[in-house]
Amino acid sequence: MSEIVGVVLAGGLGTRYEGGNKLLATLPGDDEPLVRRAALSLAPAVDYTVAVLGHESDAVGAAVEPAVDETAYNPEYERGQSASVRVGTRTARERRAAAAVFLPGDMPRVDPRTVERIVDAHRDGDADAVVPTTDGRRGNPVLFDAGLFDALLELSGDTGGRALFDDADVRRIDVADPGIHADVDTVADRDRLDDGGG
């Protein structure tokens, strides 16, 4: 069976977060940093995981390393998310992966079963990309088939792979998982997750 690589995007500046580096924040009753929690949601469903680091790479790397197989540094992290997507894509390509699943490191509430369903949908079909939806809205993580790796490597600016959706065969799978929309940009976002919000 062809390998699936999970990519945790953990290089951003997180400038909207008022309380330090958001990826290192924790939720009450959970001593796992947000970035490690995100990585742990990917790990059960994929064959290999890489976290792409940038801003405060030493601290973020130390937080996420227990949950991933590899860390990779993005020296262009200040240029936006696309630079980290390119680093993750290169890792997947070097491993001759059949697909890569990308998850922002500030999304700690994704159900691992959602990731499993995304991977299964790819293995059972021939779509270029697989995205989860809840309440009719697309969320994360997103899987891209190896056939889109060239296009992912051409991305620029603060955009992710969704820029490719208009020209790709995208399979949407409905999941009962509010975590696919639950990212942490501000302390208020984290506090909503503290209360069990999705």
Protein backbone atom coordinates (compact mmCIF):
# COMPACT_ATOMS: atom_id res chain seq x y z
CA MET A 1 0.00 0.00 0.00
CA SER A 2 1.39 3.40 -0.96
CA GLU A 3 2.56 5.68 1.82
CA ILE A 4 0.53 8.63 3.07
CA VAL A 5 2.51 11.47 4.66
CA GLY A 6 0.97 13.77 7.27
CA VAL A 7 2.24 17.35 7.31
CA VAL A 8 1.78 19.62 10.34
CA LEU A 9 2.15 23.26 9.29
CA ALA A 10 3.90 24.77 12.31
CA GLY A 11 6.02 27.60 10.96
CA GLY A 12 3.79 30.66 11.08
CA LEU A 13 4.23 33.88 13.02
CA GLY A 14 0.79 33.78 14.64
CA THR A 15 0.73 37.56 14.93
CA ARG A 16 -2.93 37.76 16.02
CA TYR A 17 -2.30 35.70 19.16
CA GLU A 18 -1.75 37.98 22.16
CA GLY A 19 -0.21 35.47 24.58
CA GLY A 20 3.11 34.35 23.11
CA ASN A 21 3.43 31.57 20.55
CA LYS A 22 -0.01 30.03 20.12
CA LEU A 23 1.41 26.67 19.05
CA LEU A 24 2.93 26.27 22.52
CA ALA A 25 -0.30 27.13 24.35
CA THR A 26 -2.23 24.43 26.17
CA LEU A 27 -5.85 23.89 27.09
CA PRO A 28 -6.85 23.39 30.75
CA GLY A 29 -6.55 19.79 31.81
CA ASP A 30 -4.32 19.00 28.83
CA ASP A 31 -0.56 19.34 29.11
CA GLU A 32 -0.04 18.79 25.39
CA PRO A 33 0.85 21.97 23.43
CA LEU A 34 -1.61 22.77 20.64
CA VAL A 35 0.92 21.84 17.95
CA ARG A 36 1.56 18.41 19.49
CA ARG A 37 -2.16 17.80 19.87
CA ALA A 38 -2.60 18.59 16.16
CA ALA A 39 0.18 16.16 15.23
CA LEU A 40 -1.35 13.44 17.38
CA SER A 41 -4.61 13.72 15.46
CA LEU A 42 -2.77 12.94 12.21
CA ALA A 43 -0.44 10.20 13.37
CA PRO A 44 -2.81 7.21 13.70
CA ALA A 45 -4.09 7.52 10.12
CA VAL A 46 -0.90 8.23 8.18
CA ASP A 47 2.32 6.31 7.62
CA TYR A 48 4.79 9.11 8.32
CA THR A 49 4.49 12.57 9.87
CA VAL A 50 6.57 15.71 9.40
CA ALA A 51 6.18 19.04 11.16
CA VAL A 52 7.30 22.07 9.17
CA LEU A 53 8.90 24.61 11.51
CA GLY A 54 9.76 28.27 11.15
CA HIS A 55 9.05 30.93 13.77
CA GLU A 56 10.61 29.96 17.13
CA SER A 57 11.63 26.67 15.58
CA ASP A 58 13.60 25.40 18.58
CA ALA A 59 10.69 25.73 21.00
CA VAL A 60 8.03 24.54 18.57
CA GLY A 61 10.24 21.66 17.47
CA ALA A 62 10.75 20.53 21.06
CA ALA A 63 6.98 20.65 21.60
CA VAL A 64 6.04 18.66 18.51
CA GLU A 65 8.94 16.20 18.12
CA PRO A 66 7.44 13.52 20.42
CA ALA A 67 4.44 13.24 18.07
CA VAL A 68 6.12 13.24 14.63
CA ASP A 69 8.68 11.23 12.71
CA GLU A 70 10.59 14.24 11.41
CA THR A 71 10.81 18.00 11.59
CA ALA A 72 11.78 20.19 8.63
CA TYR A 73 12.74 23.85 8.76
CA ASN A 74 11.19 26.43 6.46
CA PRO A 75 13.62 29.36 6.16
CA GLU A 76 10.97 31.37 4.29
CA TYR A 77 8.28 31.06 6.95
CA GLU A 78 7.68 34.82 6.99
CA ARG A 79 6.44 34.61 3.39
CA GLY A 80 3.23 32.86 4.37
CA GLN A 81 1.73 29.41 4.57
CA SER A 82 2.55 28.43 0.99
CA ALA A 83 6.26 28.27 1.85
CA SER A 84 5.56 25.68 4.55
CA VAL A 85 3.26 23.77 2.20
CA ARG A 86 6.14 23.58 -0.28
CA VAL A 87 8.53 22.20 2.37
CA GLY A 88 6.00 19.56 3.41
CA THR A 89 5.31 18.65 -0.21
CA ARG A 90 9.02 18.20 -0.89
CA THR A 91 9.26 15.81 2.06
CA ALA A 92 6.31 13.79 0.76
CA ARG A 93 7.80 13.69 -2.73
CA GLU A 94 11.20 12.56 -1.44
CA ARG A 95 9.44 9.68 0.31
CA ARG A 96 7.56 8.83 -2.92
CA ALA A 97 4.28 9.22 -1.06
CA ALA A 98 0.98 8.57 -2.78
CA ALA A 99 -0.55 11.59 -1.03
CA ALA A 100 0.01 14.14 1.69
CA VAL A 101 -2.43 15.30 4.37
CA PHE A 102 -1.91 18.90 5.55
CA LEU A 103 -3.08 20.16 8.93
CA PRO A 104 -2.33 23.59 10.45
CA GLY A 105 -0.59 23.25 13.80
CA ASP A 106 -3.14 25.53 15.48
CA MET A 107 -5.98 23.01 15.05
CA PRO A 108 -5.88 20.72 18.11
CA ARG A 109 -9.44 19.40 18.04
CA VAL A 110 -9.55 17.35 14.83
CA ASP A 111 -10.86 13.85 15.54
CA PRO A 112 -8.30 11.22 14.41
CA ARG A 113 -11.21 9.26 12.91
CA THR A 114 -11.78 12.17 10.52
CA VAL A 115 -8.23 11.80 9.25
CA GLU A 116 -8.77 8.06 8.85
CA ARG A 117 -11.88 8.70 6.76
CA ILE A 118 -9.99 11.16 4.55
CA VAL A 119 -7.18 8.66 3.95
CA ASP A 120 -9.65 5.83 3.30
CA ALA A 121 -11.53 7.99 0.80
CA HIS A 122 -8.31 8.60 -1.10
CA ARG A 123 -7.34 4.94 -1.13
CA ASP A 124 -10.82 3.93 -2.28
CA GLY A 125 -11.10 6.48 -5.08
CA ASP A 126 -9.17 8.55 -7.59
CA ALA A 127 -9.85 12.13 -6.50
CA ASP A 128 -7.07 14.73 -6.68
CA ALA A 129 -7.94 16.01 -3.21
CA VAL A 130 -10.12 15.00 -0.27
CA VAL A 131 -11.61 17.52 2.15
CA PRO A 132 -13.85 17.05 5.19
CA THR A 133 -17.06 19.03 5.61
CA THR A 134 -19.25 19.68 8.63
CA ASP A 135 -22.50 21.61 8.37
CA GLY A 136 -21.75 22.06 4.66
CA ARG A 137 -18.47 23.92 5.30
CA ARG A 138 -15.06 22.72 4.22
CA GLY A 139 -12.43 22.28 6.91
CA ASN A 140 -9.02 20.80 7.66
CA PRO A 141 -7.05 18.63 7.21
CA VAL A 142 -6.89 18.39 3.43
CA LEU A 143 -5.37 15.52 1.47
CA PHE A 144 -3.64 16.07 -1.87
CA ASP A 145 -2.78 13.24 -4.23
CA ALA A 146 0.81 13.05 -5.49
CA GLY A 147 -0.48 14.17 -8.88
CA LEU A 148 -0.87 17.66 -7.39
CA PHE A 149 2.59 17.86 -5.82
CA ASP A 150 3.96 19.88 -8.76
CA ALA A 151 1.15 22.41 -8.39
CA LEU A 152 1.64 22.61 -4.60
CA LEU A 153 5.31 23.41 -5.17
CA GLU A 154 4.27 26.40 -7.30
CA LEU A 155 2.12 28.04 -4.61
CA SER A 156 3.12 31.45 -3.32
CA GLY A 157 2.01 33.94 -0.69
CA ASP A 158 -0.14 33.26 2.36
CA THR A 159 -2.29 30.64 0.72
CA GLY A 160 -2.61 26.92 1.14
CA GLY A 161 -3.42 24.18 -1.30
CA ARG A 162 -7.07 25.18 -1.53
CA ALA A 163 -5.99 27.57 -4.25
CA LEU A 164 -5.90 24.49 -6.48
CA PHE A 165 -9.49 23.42 -5.88
CA ASP A 166 -10.98 25.18 -8.90
CA ASP A 167 -9.00 22.98 -11.29
CA ALA A 168 -8.92 19.75 -9.28
CA ASP A 169 -11.25 16.81 -8.76
CA VAL A 170 -12.10 17.34 -5.09
CA ARG A 171 -13.97 14.74 -3.05
CA ARG A 172 -15.87 16.10 -0.06
CA ILE A 173 -16.71 13.80 2.81
CA ASP A 174 -19.22 14.75 5.48
CA VAL A 175 -18.00 14.22 9.04
CA ALA A 176 -19.55 14.98 12.42
CA ASP A 177 -16.44 16.78 13.61
CA PRO A 178 -16.54 20.46 14.60
CA GLY A 179 -12.78 20.23 15.14
CA ILE A 180 -12.20 20.63 11.40
CA HIS A 181 -13.15 24.31 11.80
CA ALA A 182 -11.60 24.93 15.24
CA ASP A 183 -8.37 26.88 14.79
CA VAL A 184 -6.66 29.13 17.31
CA ASP A 185 -5.79 32.60 16.05
CA THR A 186 -6.38 34.54 19.28
CA VAL A 187 -6.49 33.91 23.02
CA ALA A 188 -10.29 34.16 22.75
CA ASP A 189 -10.26 31.29 20.24
CA ARG A 190 -8.25 29.18 22.69
CA ASP A 191 -10.65 30.05 25.51
CA ARG A 192 -13.59 28.90 23.41
CA LEU A 193 -11.84 25.57 22.95
CA ASP A 194 -11.18 25.49 26.69
CA ASP A 195 -14.94 25.50 27.15
CA GLY A 196 -15.31 22.56 24.80
CA GLY A 197 -16.28 24.72 21.85
CA GLY A 198 -15.43 23.58 18.37
